[in-house]
Amino acid sequence: MNQPEFKTPLSVEAYLEGELHSEMRHEYLAGEVYAMTGASAAHNIIAGNLFTALHTHLRGGPYRVFMSDMKLRLRHARDDYFYYPDVMVACRPEDNARYWREQPKLVVEVLSDSTERIDSREKLFAYQHIEALEEYVLLAQDRREATVYRKTDGWSATRRYGAETIELASVGLSVALDTLYEGIDQ
């Protein structure tokens, strides 16, 4: 009779060391490692347009804007999680690890067919446990649509379409979807 195989969870230290030398990025979920697929041109353009708008708006202040190579570390119920958000804004001076942030004010994911379910469910739930997080934004890449989840007394969602503008209260920026989707044929 065959015995079931048990995988030993990968340690955080081994994961972080592996990421330093890997040509491919991986997300880490409580000891399990998942390779990330490449992004489309539309995905990169949308994320880049938002990064540019945020970076320009926040230049010279305490906020730091990060693109998809900076990890977001979560600790929940004795487990560690590392994600790679598409765009992230952080401002706490003590949140200064070299390869990740733990207390961002704003996190943005650009949706794709392969990530939409995870971004809109798993990450939404996980990110809501971040004390400093004020907004989580999902941007569709196949249509001009943004969903802004905002923490007030609880979490609420606002959806914008077409030529509308999204309000990012966490960083004091209003940005038109036309700006975010500039360069995308839709």
N, C-alpha and C. Protein backbone atom coordinates (compact mmCIF):
# COMPACT_ATOMS: atom_id res chain seq x y z
N MET A 1 0.84 -1.17 0.00
CA MET A 1 0.00 0.00 0.00
C MET A 1 0.89 1.24 0.00
N ASN A 2 0.59 2.18 -0.89
CA ASN A 2 1.37 3.40 -0.97
C ASN A 2 0.97 4.38 0.13
N GLN A 3 1.95 5.02 0.68
CA GLN A 3 1.71 6.06 1.68
C GLN A 3 1.56 7.40 0.96
N PRO A 4 0.68 8.26 1.42
CA PRO A 4 0.56 9.57 0.79
C PRO A 4 1.83 10.38 0.98
N GLU A 5 2.16 11.18 -0.03
CA GLU A 5 3.33 12.04 0.06
C GLU A 5 2.93 13.34 0.75
N PHE A 6 3.77 13.79 1.65
CA PHE A 6 3.57 15.05 2.32
C PHE A 6 4.70 15.98 1.91
N LYS A 7 4.31 17.14 1.40
CA LYS A 7 5.30 18.13 1.03
C LYS A 7 5.67 18.94 2.27
N THR A 8 6.96 19.13 2.45
CA THR A 8 7.42 19.98 3.51
C THR A 8 7.30 21.42 3.04
N PRO A 9 6.63 22.27 3.80
CA PRO A 9 6.50 23.66 3.37
C PRO A 9 7.88 24.31 3.23
N LEU A 10 8.02 25.16 2.24
CA LEU A 10 9.24 25.91 2.02
C LEU A 10 9.31 27.02 3.06
N SER A 11 10.47 27.22 3.64
CA SER A 11 10.61 28.28 4.64
C SER A 11 10.63 29.65 3.94
N VAL A 12 10.27 30.68 4.69
CA VAL A 12 10.32 32.04 4.17
C VAL A 12 11.73 32.37 3.71
N GLU A 13 12.72 31.99 4.50
CA GLU A 13 14.12 32.28 4.16
C GLU A 13 14.52 31.63 2.85
N ALA A 14 14.13 30.37 2.65
CA ALA A 14 14.46 29.67 1.40
C ALA A 14 13.74 30.31 0.22
N TYR A 15 12.50 30.71 0.41
CA TYR A 15 11.76 31.40 -0.65
C TYR A 15 12.45 32.69 -1.04
N LEU A 16 12.77 33.52 -0.06
CA LEU A 16 13.40 34.82 -0.35
C LEU A 16 14.75 34.64 -1.03
N GLU A 17 15.52 33.69 -0.60
CA GLU A 17 16.81 33.42 -1.24
C GLU A 17 16.61 32.95 -2.68
N GLY A 18 15.64 32.09 -2.89
CA GLY A 18 15.34 31.63 -4.25
C GLY A 18 14.90 32.75 -5.17
N GLU A 19 14.11 33.69 -4.65
CA GLU A 19 13.65 34.82 -5.47
C GLU A 19 14.80 35.71 -5.92
N LEU A 20 15.84 35.79 -5.11
CA LEU A 20 17.01 36.61 -5.48
C LEU A 20 17.71 36.07 -6.72
N HIS A 21 17.60 34.78 -6.96
CA HIS A 21 18.35 34.14 -8.04
C HIS A 21 17.48 33.61 -9.17
N SER A 22 16.18 33.70 -9.02
CA SER A 22 15.27 33.14 -10.01
C SER A 22 15.02 34.12 -11.16
N GLU A 23 14.91 33.59 -12.36
CA GLU A 23 14.55 34.41 -13.51
C GLU A 23 13.04 34.64 -13.56
N MET A 24 12.28 33.84 -12.83
CA MET A 24 10.82 33.95 -12.79
C MET A 24 10.40 34.33 -11.37
N ARG A 25 9.38 35.17 -11.26
CA ARG A 25 8.86 35.55 -9.95
C ARG A 25 7.88 34.49 -9.46
N HIS A 26 7.81 34.36 -8.13
CA HIS A 26 6.92 33.39 -7.50
C HIS A 26 6.20 34.06 -6.34
N GLU A 27 4.94 33.73 -6.15
CA GLU A 27 4.24 34.16 -4.95
C GLU A 27 4.34 33.03 -3.94
N TYR A 28 4.32 33.39 -2.67
CA TYR A 28 4.52 32.47 -1.57
C TYR A 28 3.28 32.50 -0.68
N LEU A 29 2.63 31.36 -0.53
CA LEU A 29 1.41 31.28 0.26
C LEU A 29 1.55 30.20 1.32
N ALA A 30 1.94 30.61 2.51
CA ALA A 30 2.04 29.71 3.65
C ALA A 30 2.87 28.46 3.34
N GLY A 31 4.04 28.66 2.76
CA GLY A 31 4.94 27.55 2.49
C GLY A 31 4.84 26.98 1.10
N GLU A 32 3.83 27.33 0.35
CA GLU A 32 3.66 26.88 -1.04
C GLU A 32 4.12 27.99 -1.99
N VAL A 33 4.77 27.62 -3.07
CA VAL A 33 5.30 28.60 -4.01
C VAL A 33 4.61 28.41 -5.36
N TYR A 34 4.17 29.53 -5.96
CA TYR A 34 3.46 29.50 -7.23
C TYR A 34 4.14 30.43 -8.23
N ALA A 35 4.53 29.88 -9.38
CA ALA A 35 5.16 30.68 -10.42
C ALA A 35 4.15 31.65 -11.01
N MET A 36 4.62 32.82 -11.36
CA MET A 36 3.76 33.83 -11.96
C MET A 36 3.97 33.83 -13.46
N THR A 37 2.89 33.98 -14.18
CA THR A 37 2.98 34.01 -15.64
C THR A 37 3.33 35.42 -16.10
N GLY A 38 3.78 35.52 -17.32
CA GLY A 38 4.10 36.82 -17.89
C GLY A 38 2.85 37.64 -18.13
N ALA A 39 3.03 38.94 -18.20
CA ALA A 39 1.90 39.85 -18.39
C ALA A 39 1.82 40.28 -19.85
N SER A 40 0.61 40.64 -20.27
CA SER A 40 0.38 41.10 -21.64
C SER A 40 0.86 42.54 -21.79
N ALA A 41 0.93 42.99 -23.03
CA ALA A 41 1.29 44.39 -23.31
C ALA A 41 0.27 45.32 -22.67
N ALA A 42 -1.03 45.01 -22.79
CA ALA A 42 -2.07 45.86 -22.21
C ALA A 42 -1.89 45.97 -20.69
N HIS A 43 -1.61 44.85 -20.06
CA HIS A 43 -1.39 44.82 -18.61
C HIS A 43 -0.26 45.77 -18.23
N ASN A 44 0.85 45.68 -18.94
CA ASN A 44 2.00 46.53 -18.65
C ASN A 44 1.72 47.99 -18.90
N ILE A 45 1.00 48.31 -19.95
CA ILE A 45 0.69 49.70 -20.26
C ILE A 45 -0.20 50.30 -19.18
N ILE A 46 -1.25 49.59 -18.79
CA ILE A 46 -2.17 50.08 -17.76
C ILE A 46 -1.42 50.30 -16.44
N ALA A 47 -0.66 49.29 -16.00
CA ALA A 47 0.09 49.42 -14.75
C ALA A 47 1.11 50.56 -14.85
N GLY A 48 1.77 50.69 -15.98
CA GLY A 48 2.74 51.76 -16.17
C GLY A 48 2.11 53.13 -16.16
N ASN A 49 0.94 53.26 -16.79
CA ASN A 49 0.24 54.55 -16.79
C ASN A 49 -0.16 54.95 -15.38
N LEU A 50 -0.64 54.00 -14.58
CA LEU A 50 -1.01 54.32 -13.21
C LEU A 50 0.22 54.65 -12.38
N PHE A 51 1.28 53.88 -12.54
CA PHE A 51 2.52 54.17 -11.82
C PHE A 51 2.99 55.60 -12.12
N THR A 52 2.97 55.96 -13.40
CA THR A 52 3.42 57.30 -13.80
C THR A 52 2.56 58.38 -13.16
N ALA A 53 1.23 58.21 -13.18
CA ALA A 53 0.33 59.19 -12.58
C ALA A 53 0.58 59.31 -11.07
N LEU A 54 0.74 58.18 -10.40
CA LEU A 54 0.99 58.20 -8.96
C LEU A 54 2.35 58.79 -8.63
N HIS A 55 3.37 58.37 -9.36
CA HIS A 55 4.72 58.86 -9.10
C HIS A 55 4.80 60.37 -9.30
N THR A 56 4.21 60.86 -10.36
CA THR A 56 4.20 62.30 -10.64
C THR A 56 3.46 63.06 -9.53
N HIS A 57 2.30 62.55 -9.16
CA HIS A 57 1.46 63.18 -8.14
C HIS A 57 2.13 63.19 -6.76
N LEU A 58 2.83 62.12 -6.41
CA LEU A 58 3.38 61.96 -5.06
C LEU A 58 4.84 62.38 -4.93
N ARG A 59 5.46 62.78 -6.04
CA ARG A 59 6.88 63.15 -6.04
C ARG A 59 7.18 64.18 -4.96
N GLY A 60 8.28 63.95 -4.24
CA GLY A 60 8.74 64.90 -3.24
C GLY A 60 8.14 64.72 -1.86
N GLY A 61 7.18 63.82 -1.72
CA GLY A 61 6.55 63.59 -0.42
C GLY A 61 7.03 62.31 0.21
N PRO A 62 6.37 61.90 1.27
CA PRO A 62 6.79 60.70 2.00
C PRO A 62 6.36 59.38 1.35
N TYR A 63 5.49 59.46 0.34
CA TYR A 63 4.97 58.25 -0.29
C TYR A 63 5.98 57.67 -1.27
N ARG A 64 6.01 56.34 -1.37
CA ARG A 64 6.83 55.64 -2.36
C ARG A 64 5.91 54.76 -3.18
N VAL A 65 6.08 54.85 -4.49
CA VAL A 65 5.26 54.07 -5.42
C VAL A 65 6.14 52.93 -5.95
N PHE A 66 5.61 51.73 -5.91
CA PHE A 66 6.34 50.55 -6.36
C PHE A 66 5.59 49.84 -7.47
N MET A 67 6.36 49.26 -8.38
CA MET A 67 5.79 48.45 -9.47
C MET A 67 5.87 46.99 -9.09
N SER A 68 5.61 46.14 -10.01
CA SER A 68 5.37 44.72 -9.79
C SER A 68 6.55 43.89 -9.29
N ASP A 69 7.73 44.45 -9.14
CA ASP A 69 8.85 43.66 -8.62
C ASP A 69 9.02 43.79 -7.11
N MET A 70 8.26 44.65 -6.46
CA MET A 70 8.32 44.79 -5.00
C MET A 70 7.23 43.91 -4.39
N LYS A 71 7.64 43.06 -3.47
CA LYS A 71 6.71 42.13 -2.84
C LYS A 71 5.89 42.82 -1.75
N LEU A 72 4.72 42.28 -1.51
CA LEU A 72 3.87 42.66 -0.38
C LEU A 72 3.83 41.46 0.55
N ARG A 73 4.29 41.65 1.78
CA ARG A 73 4.31 40.55 2.75
C ARG A 73 3.14 40.69 3.70
N LEU A 74 2.43 39.59 3.88
CA LEU A 74 1.32 39.51 4.83
C LEU A 74 1.64 38.42 5.83
N ARG A 75 1.24 38.67 7.06
CA ARG A 75 1.36 37.64 8.10
C ARG A 75 -0.03 37.47 8.69
N HIS A 76 -0.52 36.25 8.61
CA HIS A 76 -1.89 35.98 9.07
C HIS A 76 -1.93 34.58 9.67
N ALA A 77 -2.41 34.50 10.90
CA ALA A 77 -2.58 33.21 11.59
C ALA A 77 -1.32 32.36 11.52
N ARG A 78 -0.19 32.94 11.87
CA ARG A 78 1.11 32.26 11.91
C ARG A 78 1.68 31.90 10.55
N ASP A 79 1.04 32.31 9.50
CA ASP A 79 1.52 32.02 8.15
C ASP A 79 1.99 33.30 7.48
N ASP A 80 2.94 33.13 6.57
CA ASP A 80 3.45 34.24 5.78
C ASP A 80 2.97 34.09 4.34
N TYR A 81 2.71 35.24 3.73
CA TYR A 81 2.29 35.30 2.33
C TYR A 81 3.07 36.41 1.66
N PHE A 82 3.53 36.17 0.44
CA PHE A 82 4.20 37.19 -0.35
C PHE A 82 3.52 37.26 -1.71
N TYR A 83 3.04 38.44 -2.04
CA TYR A 83 2.43 38.70 -3.33
C TYR A 83 3.24 39.76 -4.06
N TYR A 84 3.03 39.85 -5.35
CA TYR A 84 3.64 40.90 -6.17
C TYR A 84 2.52 41.76 -6.76
N PRO A 85 2.06 42.80 -6.04
CA PRO A 85 1.03 43.66 -6.62
C PRO A 85 1.57 44.38 -7.85
N ASP A 86 0.67 44.75 -8.75
CA ASP A 86 1.09 45.47 -9.94
C ASP A 86 1.59 46.87 -9.60
N VAL A 87 0.91 47.54 -8.69
CA VAL A 87 1.32 48.86 -8.20
C VAL A 87 0.97 48.93 -6.72
N MET A 88 1.85 49.58 -5.96
CA MET A 88 1.63 49.68 -4.52
C MET A 88 2.21 51.01 -4.04
N VAL A 89 1.51 51.65 -3.10
CA VAL A 89 1.99 52.90 -2.51
C VAL A 89 2.14 52.69 -1.01
N ALA A 90 3.32 53.00 -0.49
CA ALA A 90 3.60 52.87 0.94
C ALA A 90 4.20 54.17 1.45
N CYS A 91 4.06 54.43 2.75
CA CYS A 91 4.61 55.69 3.29
C CYS A 91 5.12 55.58 4.72
N ARG A 92 4.99 54.44 5.35
CA ARG A 92 5.45 54.34 6.74
C ARG A 92 6.97 54.17 6.77
N PRO A 93 7.68 55.06 7.46
CA PRO A 93 9.15 54.99 7.48
C PRO A 93 9.68 53.66 8.02
N GLU A 94 8.97 53.06 8.97
CA GLU A 94 9.43 51.80 9.57
C GLU A 94 9.19 50.60 8.64
N ASP A 95 8.39 50.78 7.62
CA ASP A 95 8.08 49.72 6.65
C ASP A 95 9.09 49.84 5.51
N ASN A 96 10.32 49.37 5.76
CA ASN A 96 11.40 49.66 4.83
C ASN A 96 12.28 48.46 4.50
N ALA A 97 11.73 47.27 4.51
CA ALA A 97 12.52 46.10 4.13
C ALA A 97 13.00 46.28 2.68
N ARG A 98 14.11 45.68 2.36
CA ARG A 98 14.71 45.87 1.03
C ARG A 98 13.86 45.32 -0.11
N TYR A 99 13.18 44.18 0.10
CA TYR A 99 12.49 43.51 -1.00
C TYR A 99 10.97 43.42 -0.83
N TRP A 100 10.42 44.01 0.21
CA TRP A 100 8.96 43.96 0.40
C TRP A 100 8.48 45.11 1.26
N ARG A 101 7.17 45.29 1.25
CA ARG A 101 6.48 46.20 2.14
C ARG A 101 5.37 45.42 2.82
N GLU A 102 5.01 45.86 4.03
CA GLU A 102 3.97 45.19 4.79
C GLU A 102 2.77 46.07 5.08
N GLN A 103 2.90 47.38 4.96
CA GLN A 103 1.83 48.29 5.34
C GLN A 103 1.55 49.35 4.27
N PRO A 104 1.20 48.93 3.06
CA PRO A 104 0.89 49.93 2.03
C PRO A 104 -0.45 50.61 2.30
N LYS A 105 -0.60 51.82 1.75
CA LYS A 105 -1.88 52.54 1.82
C LYS A 105 -2.77 52.16 0.65
N LEU A 106 -2.15 51.82 -0.48
CA LEU A 106 -2.87 51.56 -1.71
C LEU A 106 -2.23 50.37 -2.42
N VAL A 107 -3.06 49.45 -2.89
CA VAL A 107 -2.60 48.30 -3.68
C VAL A 107 -3.48 48.22 -4.91
N VAL A 108 -2.84 47.98 -6.07
CA VAL A 108 -3.56 47.90 -7.34
C VAL A 108 -3.17 46.62 -8.06
N GLU A 109 -4.17 45.93 -8.59
CA GLU A 109 -3.95 44.76 -9.44
C GLU A 109 -4.64 45.00 -10.77
N VAL A 110 -3.93 44.68 -11.87
CA VAL A 110 -4.52 44.69 -13.20
C VAL A 110 -4.98 43.27 -13.49
N LEU A 111 -6.26 43.11 -13.78
CA LEU A 111 -6.85 41.78 -13.93
C LEU A 111 -6.53 41.16 -15.28
N SER A 112 -6.37 39.86 -15.26
CA SER A 112 -6.29 39.07 -16.49
C SER A 112 -7.19 37.86 -16.30
N ASP A 113 -7.40 37.11 -17.37
CA ASP A 113 -8.25 35.91 -17.25
C ASP A 113 -7.71 34.96 -16.19
N SER A 114 -6.38 34.84 -16.11
CA SER A 114 -5.79 33.87 -15.20
C SER A 114 -5.71 34.37 -13.75
N THR A 115 -5.83 35.69 -13.51
CA THR A 115 -5.69 36.21 -12.15
C THR A 115 -6.96 36.82 -11.57
N GLU A 116 -7.99 37.02 -12.38
CA GLU A 116 -9.17 37.75 -11.92
C GLU A 116 -9.81 37.13 -10.68
N ARG A 117 -9.97 35.83 -10.66
CA ARG A 117 -10.60 35.17 -9.51
C ARG A 117 -9.75 35.35 -8.25
N ILE A 118 -8.46 35.16 -8.36
CA ILE A 118 -7.56 35.30 -7.21
C ILE A 118 -7.52 36.75 -6.73
N ASP A 119 -7.38 37.69 -7.67
CA ASP A 119 -7.29 39.11 -7.31
C ASP A 119 -8.57 39.62 -6.67
N SER A 120 -9.72 39.17 -7.18
CA SER A 120 -11.00 39.70 -6.69
C SER A 120 -11.57 38.94 -5.50
N ARG A 121 -10.97 37.83 -5.13
CA ARG A 121 -11.46 37.08 -3.97
C ARG A 121 -10.36 36.88 -2.93
N GLU A 122 -9.39 36.03 -3.27
CA GLU A 122 -8.33 35.68 -2.31
C GLU A 122 -7.55 36.91 -1.85
N LYS A 123 -7.07 37.70 -2.81
CA LYS A 123 -6.27 38.87 -2.44
C LYS A 123 -7.13 39.94 -1.78
N LEU A 124 -8.34 40.12 -2.26
CA LEU A 124 -9.24 41.08 -1.62
C LEU A 124 -9.40 40.74 -0.14
N PHE A 125 -9.67 39.49 0.15
CA PHE A 125 -9.82 39.06 1.54
C PHE A 125 -8.52 39.23 2.31
N ALA A 126 -7.41 38.80 1.74
CA ALA A 126 -6.12 38.88 2.43
C ALA A 126 -5.71 40.32 2.68
N TYR A 127 -5.85 41.16 1.68
CA TYR A 127 -5.42 42.55 1.81
C TYR A 127 -6.25 43.33 2.82
N GLN A 128 -7.49 42.94 3.03
CA GLN A 128 -8.33 43.65 4.00
C GLN A 128 -7.81 43.52 5.43
N HIS A 129 -6.85 42.63 5.66
CA HIS A 129 -6.25 42.47 6.99
C HIS A 129 -5.04 43.38 7.18
N ILE A 130 -4.67 44.15 6.18
CA ILE A 130 -3.53 45.06 6.30
C ILE A 130 -3.99 46.32 7.02
N GLU A 131 -3.41 46.58 8.15
CA GLU A 131 -3.83 47.72 8.99
C GLU A 131 -3.80 49.05 8.24
N ALA A 132 -2.75 49.32 7.51
CA ALA A 132 -2.58 50.62 6.86
C ALA A 132 -3.34 50.75 5.54
N LEU A 133 -3.79 49.64 4.98
CA LEU A 133 -4.42 49.69 3.67
C LEU A 133 -5.73 50.47 3.71
N GLU A 134 -5.84 51.46 2.82
CA GLU A 134 -7.05 52.25 2.71
C GLU A 134 -7.83 51.96 1.44
N GLU A 135 -7.11 51.53 0.37
CA GLU A 135 -7.79 51.24 -0.90
C GLU A 135 -7.10 50.07 -1.62
N TYR A 136 -7.95 49.28 -2.25
CA TYR A 136 -7.51 48.19 -3.12
C TYR A 136 -8.24 48.38 -4.43
N VAL A 137 -7.48 48.48 -5.53
CA VAL A 137 -8.06 48.81 -6.83
C VAL A 137 -7.83 47.66 -7.80
N LEU A 138 -8.89 47.29 -8.51
CA LEU A 138 -8.81 46.29 -9.57
C LEU A 138 -9.09 46.98 -10.89
N LEU A 139 -8.18 46.83 -11.84
CA LEU A 139 -8.33 47.42 -13.17
C LEU A 139 -8.46 46.31 -14.19
N ALA A 140 -9.54 46.30 -14.94
CA ALA A 140 -9.71 45.31 -16.01
C ALA A 140 -8.74 45.68 -17.12
N GLN A 141 -8.22 44.68 -17.84
CA GLN A 141 -7.34 45.02 -18.95
C GLN A 141 -8.01 44.87 -20.31
N ASP A 142 -9.18 44.24 -20.35
CA ASP A 142 -9.86 44.03 -21.62
C ASP A 142 -11.02 45.00 -21.84
N ARG A 143 -11.23 45.92 -20.89
CA ARG A 143 -12.27 46.94 -21.00
C ARG A 143 -11.92 48.06 -20.00
N ARG A 144 -12.44 49.23 -20.22
CA ARG A 144 -12.17 50.35 -19.31
C ARG A 144 -13.09 50.23 -18.11
N GLU A 145 -12.57 49.60 -17.07
CA GLU A 145 -13.35 49.37 -15.86
C GLU A 145 -12.43 49.31 -14.66
N ALA A 146 -12.81 50.02 -13.61
CA ALA A 146 -12.04 50.01 -12.36
C ALA A 146 -12.99 49.77 -11.20
N THR A 147 -12.57 48.96 -10.26
CA THR A 147 -13.29 48.76 -9.02
C THR A 147 -12.38 49.21 -7.89
N VAL A 148 -12.86 50.17 -7.11
CA VAL A 148 -12.09 50.69 -5.98
C VAL A 148 -12.75 50.22 -4.69
N TYR A 149 -12.02 49.40 -3.94
CA TYR A 149 -12.46 48.97 -2.62
C TYR A 149 -11.85 49.94 -1.62
N ARG A 150 -12.67 50.56 -0.79
CA ARG A 150 -12.20 51.58 0.13
C ARG A 150 -12.61 51.22 1.55
N LYS A 151 -11.65 51.37 2.46
CA LYS A 151 -11.93 51.13 3.88
C LYS A 151 -12.43 52.42 4.51
N THR A 152 -13.63 52.38 5.04
CA THR A 152 -14.17 53.50 5.82
C THR A 152 -14.54 52.90 7.17
N ASP A 153 -15.81 52.73 7.45
CA ASP A 153 -16.22 52.00 8.65
C ASP A 153 -16.12 50.50 8.42
N GLY A 154 -16.19 50.11 7.19
CA GLY A 154 -16.02 48.75 6.71
C GLY A 154 -15.42 48.89 5.33
N TRP A 155 -15.60 47.91 4.49
CA TRP A 155 -15.09 48.00 3.12
C TRP A 155 -16.27 48.19 2.17
N SER A 156 -16.14 49.14 1.26
CA SER A 156 -17.17 49.36 0.25
C SER A 156 -16.51 49.38 -1.12
N ALA A 157 -17.31 49.14 -2.14
CA ALA A 157 -16.77 49.10 -3.51
C ALA A 157 -17.48 50.12 -4.38
N THR A 158 -16.69 50.75 -5.26
CA THR A 158 -17.21 51.68 -6.26
C THR A 158 -16.65 51.24 -7.60
N ARG A 159 -17.52 51.16 -8.61
CA ARG A 159 -17.08 50.73 -9.93
C ARG A 159 -17.23 51.90 -10.90
N ARG A 160 -16.20 52.10 -11.74
CA ARG A 160 -16.21 53.15 -12.76
C ARG A 160 -15.94 52.53 -14.12
N TYR A 161 -16.53 53.15 -15.17
CA TYR A 161 -16.44 52.61 -16.53
C TYR A 161 -16.07 53.70 -17.52
N GLY A 162 -15.64 53.27 -18.71
CA GLY A 162 -15.48 54.16 -19.86
C GLY A 162 -14.61 55.36 -19.60
N ALA A 163 -15.19 56.55 -19.73
CA ALA A 163 -14.44 57.81 -19.60
C ALA A 163 -14.55 58.40 -18.20
N GLU A 164 -15.07 57.65 -17.24
CA GLU A 164 -15.22 58.17 -15.88
C GLU A 164 -13.84 58.33 -15.21
N THR A 165 -13.87 58.92 -14.03
CA THR A 165 -12.66 59.17 -13.25
C THR A 165 -12.73 58.36 -11.96
N ILE A 166 -11.59 57.84 -11.53
CA ILE A 166 -11.55 57.16 -10.22
C ILE A 166 -10.89 58.10 -9.21
N GLU A 167 -11.40 58.03 -8.00
CA GLU A 167 -10.88 58.82 -6.89
C GLU A 167 -10.06 57.90 -6.01
N LEU A 168 -8.79 58.22 -5.85
CA LEU A 168 -7.92 57.48 -4.95
C LEU A 168 -7.69 58.36 -3.73
N ALA A 169 -8.64 58.30 -2.80
CA ALA A 169 -8.62 59.16 -1.62
C ALA A 169 -7.40 58.90 -0.76
N SER A 170 -6.90 57.68 -0.74
CA SER A 170 -5.75 57.34 0.10
C SER A 170 -4.52 58.17 -0.24
N VAL A 171 -4.42 58.62 -1.48
CA VAL A 171 -3.26 59.40 -1.91
C VAL A 171 -3.66 60.75 -2.51
N GLY A 172 -4.95 61.09 -2.44
CA GLY A 172 -5.41 62.38 -2.92
C GLY A 172 -5.28 62.57 -4.42
N LEU A 173 -5.58 61.53 -5.20
CA LEU A 173 -5.46 61.62 -6.66
C LEU A 173 -6.76 61.22 -7.34
N SER A 174 -7.18 62.04 -8.28
CA SER A 174 -8.27 61.69 -9.19
C SER A 174 -7.63 61.45 -10.54
N VAL A 175 -7.97 60.33 -11.16
CA VAL A 175 -7.37 60.01 -12.45
C VAL A 175 -8.44 59.43 -13.37
N ALA A 176 -8.46 59.94 -14.60
CA ALA A 176 -9.44 59.48 -15.58
C ALA A 176 -9.04 58.11 -16.10
N LEU A 177 -10.05 57.28 -16.33
CA LEU A 177 -9.77 55.98 -16.94
C LEU A 177 -9.12 56.15 -18.30
N ASP A 178 -9.46 57.24 -19.01
CA ASP A 178 -8.81 57.52 -20.31
C ASP A 178 -7.30 57.61 -20.14
N THR A 179 -6.84 58.17 -19.04
CA THR A 179 -5.40 58.28 -18.77
C THR A 179 -4.80 56.91 -18.50
N LEU A 180 -5.49 56.11 -17.71
CA LEU A 180 -4.97 54.78 -17.37
C LEU A 180 -4.92 53.85 -18.58
N TYR A 181 -5.87 54.01 -19.48
CA TYR A 181 -5.97 53.11 -20.64
C TYR A 181 -5.38 53.73 -21.90
N GLU A 182 -4.67 54.84 -21.75
CA GLU A 182 -4.03 55.47 -22.90
C GLU A 182 -3.02 54.50 -23.52
N GLY A 183 -3.11 54.35 -24.84
CA GLY A 183 -2.22 53.43 -25.54
C GLY A 183 -2.78 52.03 -25.73
N ILE A 184 -3.99 51.80 -25.23
CA ILE A 184 -4.65 50.51 -25.37
C ILE A 184 -5.75 50.66 -26.43
N ASP A 185 -5.74 49.80 -27.41
CA ASP A 185 -6.81 49.80 -28.43
C ASP A 185 -8.00 49.02 -27.88
N GLN A 186 -9.10 49.74 -27.61
CA GLN A 186 -10.31 49.08 -27.08
C GLN A 186 -11.51 49.58 -27.79
